[in-house]
Structure formats: structure tokens, C-alpha cells
Protein backbone atom coordinates (compact mmCIF):
# COMPACT_ATOMS: atom_id res chain seq x y z
CA MET A 1 39.49 15.17 7.86
CA ILE A 2 39.99 13.64 4.42
CA PRO A 3 36.70 13.64 2.44
CA ALA A 4 35.05 10.48 1.13
CA HIS A 5 35.74 11.65 -2.43
CA LEU A 6 39.39 12.60 -2.67
CA PRO A 7 40.36 15.87 -4.32
CA GLN A 8 42.23 15.37 -7.57
CA GLY A 9 45.91 14.83 -6.95
CA TYR A 10 48.64 12.46 -5.78
CA TYR A 11 48.66 10.43 -2.55
CA THR A 12 51.19 8.11 -0.90
CA LYS A 13 50.00 5.89 1.96
CA THR A 14 50.86 2.57 3.58
CA GLY A 15 48.36 -0.24 3.90
CA THR A 16 47.25 -3.61 2.55
CA VAL A 17 45.01 -4.91 -0.22
CA LEU A 18 41.85 -6.46 1.22
CA LEU A 19 40.26 -7.61 -2.01
CA ARG A 20 41.25 -7.87 -5.65
CA LYS A 21 39.17 -8.27 -8.80
CA ASP A 22 40.99 -9.18 -12.02
CA SER A 23 39.98 -8.18 -15.54
CA ALA A 24 41.79 -9.29 -18.68
CA LYS A 25 41.11 -5.94 -20.35
CA GLU A 26 41.26 -3.39 -17.54
CA GLY A 27 43.76 -4.96 -15.13
CA GLN A 28 42.83 -5.09 -11.47
CA SER A 29 40.38 -3.35 -9.21
CA ILE A 30 41.74 -3.47 -5.69
CA LEU A 31 40.31 -2.49 -2.34
CA ILE A 32 43.25 -0.97 -0.44
CA PHE A 33 42.99 -0.32 3.29
CA MET A 34 45.32 2.63 3.89
CA ARG A 35 46.41 4.86 6.72
CA GLU A 36 44.39 8.10 6.90
CA LEU A 37 42.35 7.16 3.81
CA GLY A 38 40.64 3.99 5.03
CA PRO A 39 39.48 1.32 2.54
CA ARG A 40 39.20 2.63 -1.03
CA TRP A 41 38.82 1.04 -4.45
CA ALA A 42 41.57 1.80 -6.94
CA GLY A 43 42.40 0.73 -10.46
CA ALA A 44 45.69 -1.07 -11.04
CA PRO A 45 46.33 -1.08 -14.81
CA ARG A 46 48.35 -3.90 -16.32
CA ALA A 47 51.54 -3.43 -18.32
CA ASN A 48 52.12 -5.77 -21.26
CA ALA A 49 49.43 -8.15 -19.97
CA LYS A 50 51.26 -8.54 -16.67
CA ASN A 51 50.67 -7.27 -13.16
CA ARG A 52 53.40 -4.62 -12.88
CA PHE A 53 52.87 -4.22 -9.13
CA GLY A 54 53.88 -7.78 -8.25
CA GLY A 55 53.07 -9.00 -4.77
CA ALA A 56 52.08 -5.53 -3.55
CA THR A 57 48.51 -6.15 -4.72
CA GLU A 58 48.25 -9.51 -2.94
CA PRO A 59 46.39 -9.85 0.38
CA LEU A 60 48.73 -10.47 3.34
CA THR A 61 51.23 -8.04 1.81
CA TRP A 62 51.69 -4.56 3.30
CA ALA A 63 53.10 -1.86 1.06
CA ARG A 64 53.56 1.84 0.47
CA TYR A 65 51.14 2.81 -2.29
CA SER A 66 51.46 5.80 -4.60
CA LEU A 67 48.12 6.77 -6.12
CA TYR A 68 46.56 9.36 -8.37
CA GLN A 69 42.99 10.59 -7.96
CA SER A 70 41.57 11.61 -11.31
CA PRO A 71 38.27 13.49 -11.62
CA THR A 72 36.47 10.13 -11.74
CA LYS A 73 38.65 7.35 -10.31
CA LEU A 74 41.55 6.48 -8.02
CA TYR A 75 44.51 4.79 -9.74
CA LEU A 76 47.50 2.93 -8.33
CA GLN A 77 50.72 4.20 -9.89
CA ASP A 78 53.42 2.50 -7.86
CA ALA A 79 53.82 0.22 -4.85
CA GLU A 80 56.73 -0.73 -2.64
CA VAL A 81 56.37 -3.84 -0.47
CA ARG A 82 57.21 -3.14 3.16
CA GLU A 83 56.34 -6.48 4.78
CA ASP A 84 54.47 -9.64 3.96
CA PHE A 85 52.83 -12.38 5.97
CA LEU A 86 53.14 -15.07 3.33
CA THR A 87 54.60 -17.50 5.90
CA LEU A 88 51.04 -17.86 7.21
CA ARG A 89 50.49 -20.10 4.17
CA GLU A 90 52.54 -22.78 5.89
CA SER A 91 49.50 -23.65 8.02
CA GLY A 92 46.12 -24.19 6.41
CA GLY A 93 44.21 -23.23 9.55
CA THR A 94 46.24 -20.07 10.10
CA LEU A 95 45.90 -19.00 6.45
CA LEU A 96 42.13 -19.55 6.49
CA CYS A 97 41.87 -17.45 9.64
CA ALA A 98 43.83 -14.60 8.05
CA MET A 99 41.65 -14.73 4.94
CA ARG A 100 38.51 -14.59 7.06
CA LEU A 101 39.82 -11.46 8.77
CA TYR A 102 40.48 -9.84 5.39
CA LYS A 103 37.08 -10.89 4.08
CA LEU A 104 35.33 -9.54 7.19
CA THR A 105 37.18 -6.23 6.91
CA ALA A 106 36.44 -5.88 3.19
CA ARG A 107 32.76 -6.59 3.79
CA GLU A 108 32.11 -4.55 6.92
CA ALA A 109 34.62 -1.68 7.18
CA PRO A 110 33.10 1.57 5.87
CA THR A 111 34.84 2.67 2.67
CA GLY A 112 36.09 6.16 2.02
CA CYS A 113 36.79 7.14 5.62
CA GLU A 114 39.82 6.91 7.92
CA ASN A 115 39.94 3.90 10.25
CA ASP A 116 43.54 3.71 11.43
CA ALA A 117 42.65 1.93 14.68
CA LEU A 118 41.11 -0.96 12.74
CA LEU A 119 44.09 -1.05 10.37
CA ARG A 120 46.40 -1.38 13.40
CA ALA A 121 44.18 -4.14 14.81
CA LEU A 122 44.42 -6.05 11.52
CA TRP A 123 48.20 -5.70 11.51
CA SER A 124 48.38 -6.92 15.11
CA ALA A 125 46.17 -9.93 14.30
CA LEU A 126 48.53 -10.98 11.49
CA VAL A 127 51.53 -10.63 13.79
CA GLN A 128 49.74 -12.76 16.39
CA LEU A 129 49.05 -15.46 13.80
CA ARG A 130 52.69 -15.37 12.70
CA GLU A 131 53.71 -15.80 16.35
CA LYS A 132 51.64 -19.02 16.48
CA CYS A 133 48.81 -17.66 18.62
CA PRO A 134 45.69 -19.87 18.37
CA PRO A 135 43.72 -18.76 15.28
CA ALA A 136 40.37 -19.02 17.08
CA ALA A 137 41.54 -16.67 19.85
CA VAL A 138 43.00 -14.21 17.31
CA GLU A 139 39.82 -14.22 15.22
CA PHE A 140 37.62 -13.68 18.26
CA ARG A 141 39.87 -10.84 19.46
CA TYR A 142 39.87 -9.08 16.09
CA THR A 143 36.12 -9.51 15.59
CA TRP A 144 35.38 -8.06 19.03
CA LYS A 145 37.81 -5.17 18.55
CA PHE A 146 36.26 -4.38 15.16
CA LEU A 147 32.80 -4.20 16.74
CA ASN A 148 34.13 -2.23 19.69
CA LEU A 149 35.62 0.41 17.38
CA MET A 150 32.17 0.74 15.78
CA GLY A 151 30.53 1.05 19.21
CA LEU A 152 28.68 -2.26 18.83
CA ALA A 153 30.67 -4.83 20.84
CA PRO A 154 29.00 -6.56 23.79
CA SER A 155 30.59 -6.15 27.21
CA TYR A 156 31.95 -9.24 28.97
CA ASP A 157 32.20 -7.21 32.18
CA ILE A 158 28.75 -5.66 32.63
CA CYS A 159 25.27 -7.19 32.32
CA ALA A 160 23.49 -5.74 29.27
CA SER A 161 20.25 -5.48 31.25
CA CYS A 162 20.86 -4.46 34.88
CA GLY A 163 24.39 -3.09 34.56
CA THR A 164 25.88 -5.18 37.37
CA ARG A 165 29.37 -6.67 37.04
CA LEU A 166 29.46 -10.18 35.57
CA SER A 167 31.19 -12.07 38.37
CA GLY A 168 29.59 -15.47 37.86
CA ARG A 169 27.68 -17.16 35.06
CA GLY A 170 26.68 -15.11 32.01
CA VAL A 171 24.54 -15.72 28.94
CA MET A 172 25.68 -14.40 25.55
CA THR A 173 22.87 -13.38 23.18
CA LYS A 174 22.39 -11.16 20.12
CA GLU A 175 21.44 -8.36 22.52
CA GLY A 176 24.51 -8.65 24.74
CA VAL A 177 25.73 -10.65 27.73
CA PHE A 178 23.25 -11.04 30.60
CA CYS A 179 23.86 -12.03 34.20
CA ALA A 180 22.19 -15.14 35.62
CA SER A 181 19.35 -13.06 37.11
CA CYS A 182 18.50 -11.25 33.86
CA ALA A 183 19.16 -14.11 31.43
CA LYS A 184 16.23 -15.09 29.22
CA ASN A 185 15.64 -18.34 27.40
CA GLY A 186 18.20 -19.08 24.70
CA GLY A 187 21.74 -17.82 24.24
CA LEU A 188 25.08 -19.33 25.14
CA SER A 189 25.59 -19.96 28.84
CA MET A 190 29.15 -19.37 30.06
CA ASP A 191 30.71 -19.86 33.47
CA ALA A 192 32.97 -17.33 35.19
CA ALA A 193 36.15 -18.92 33.81
CA GLU A 194 34.88 -18.77 30.21
CA LEU A 195 33.89 -15.12 30.60
CA ALA A 196 37.29 -14.31 32.08
CA GLU A 197 38.97 -15.99 29.12
CA LEU A 198 36.96 -13.89 26.66
CA ARG A 199 37.73 -10.69 28.56
CA ALA A 200 41.44 -11.47 28.46
CA ALA A 201 41.41 -12.30 24.76
CA ALA A 202 39.54 -9.11 23.92
CA LEU A 203 41.23 -6.61 26.22
CA LEU A 204 44.84 -7.64 26.88
CA PRO A 205 47.47 -5.42 25.23
CA HIS A 206 49.18 -6.95 22.22
CA GLU A 207 52.38 -8.08 23.95
CA LYS A 208 50.54 -9.56 26.93
CA PHE A 209 48.13 -11.34 24.59
CA LEU A 210 51.09 -13.00 22.85
CA LEU A 211 52.24 -14.46 26.18
CA TRP A 212 48.76 -15.30 27.45
CA SER A 213 47.82 -17.17 24.27
CA LYS A 214 50.75 -19.57 24.64
CA GLU A 215 48.95 -21.26 27.52
CA PRO A 216 46.60 -24.14 26.63
CA ARG A 217 43.24 -22.80 25.45
CA LYS A 218 40.02 -24.46 24.36
CA ASN A 219 38.95 -23.28 20.93
CA GLU A 220 35.26 -24.02 21.52
CA ASN A 221 34.67 -20.96 23.69
CA PHE A 222 36.14 -18.63 21.06
CA LEU A 223 34.47 -20.33 18.09
CA LYS A 224 31.01 -20.19 19.64
CA ASN A 225 31.39 -16.52 20.49
CA ILE A 226 32.72 -15.63 17.02
CA LYS A 227 29.50 -17.04 15.60
CA LEU A 228 27.40 -15.08 18.09
CA LEU A 229 29.27 -11.85 17.36
CA SER A 230 28.63 -12.03 13.61
CA PRO A 231 25.01 -10.73 13.74
CA TYR A 232 26.18 -7.57 15.54
CA PHE A 233 27.61 -6.30 12.25
CA ALA A 234 24.05 -6.00 10.89
CA ASN A 235 23.68 -2.90 13.06
CA MET A 236 26.29 -1.15 10.90
CA ARG A 237 24.26 -1.46 7.72
């Protein structure tokens, strides 16, 4: 296991920049989400008042990063772009969705520890957006998968109270999804079809999700549940 504070030395990993802070004097501070290293802050010094790493330090770009860990700080030395998702900028709604995913990951993913499964989920979400999957469905899927990897996602299969299978109506709350018998006042009531849609969006393998999402879908179900999932991240803090 790679420690939170890296031993002094050189590292080369693939990943993507989640967040960037610019400074006229010091260059950039970038939060890079990398394979095996997880999200880590690194300095990206400027050369002749210009960003010498080009698009490799832009969100939506995936690159191979060469870094040096000094006794006090991690520095980016070189970067080679491997793939970008800049075509997502062609649609305002799709771009905003992608930026929300990056913002969520930068805010909630623990820094300094490996999280390759989440990195793969982020990559898959960008591919799904590029393939014209509905942004609301993609955002719900990624948000749920993020929480599931942290052990915090609600089940859309099992009642959070009695443990019976959710075969009919369910009620989504901040404590989980309850069956009709256990449901309390408040929460979002969903019929069997809406629950089935959420299960499919969350659990289908990537390739099957691409096909499934091409069928007509109502965004409301996904949007409401994205909002209800947001408070679950508080349990990580």
C-alpha cells in the first residue's frame, strides 16, 4: 500500500486533473486523481510565464504524469496527454454534468489514498456522456457508485428497515429506501417502475448501460434522487 505521504522520489502515473488553482508567481496547484496514488495536490511550475504542460492540466483531459516528491511537496515535471473529452463542450448540459462530477470528486474523494475503482467510474461516466447518454442518468449512476464504493449508498433492492425485497412502492429518505409498510412521513415516494429504473441505472455494466440509456427516460426520477443522495456524503466527513 502506498502511504499518504509519498517517500521522496520519482513517480509516473495516469490520471486526470480534478481541480486547478492558478498563481501568477508560483504557477499552478493541481489536484491530480491518479492510478494507485489517488487524488493528490501537486505543484506545476510555470516556464517563462506560460503553462508548460498545456492541456494536460485541464479538467476533462487524461494524461500520463511524471512527478517528483521532494521532502516537502509533490511537483509535476512532465505530462503526456493520452485522451481528452473536450468534445463534451459542444453541449452545455453535458459539460455542466461533467464539471459537477469533477467537482464532487474533488470535494468528497479522500486525498492521499488509492481509489482506482472510483477513477474507473469517473472515466466510464465521461465515456457515457460522450456517447450521448442522458446526463441526469449518468450523474445519478456516478453519484450512487461513488457512495457505494464508500459503503454509504442506499439499496434500491432491500428495505432499509425490515430487509424485505422492494417489489412495489418505495420511499427514498436520508436514511435509505423503505418499503410501503415501513415508510415514515416524508421522503420521495417511488413506484415499482421508478425503482426498477434506478436499479438499472446504478447496477448495469457499462456496455449494457450505454444501450439501456438510449431508450426514452424521464430525467425527473434521476434528478430528484441525485438531490436526495447528496446528504449521504456527510457521513464520510
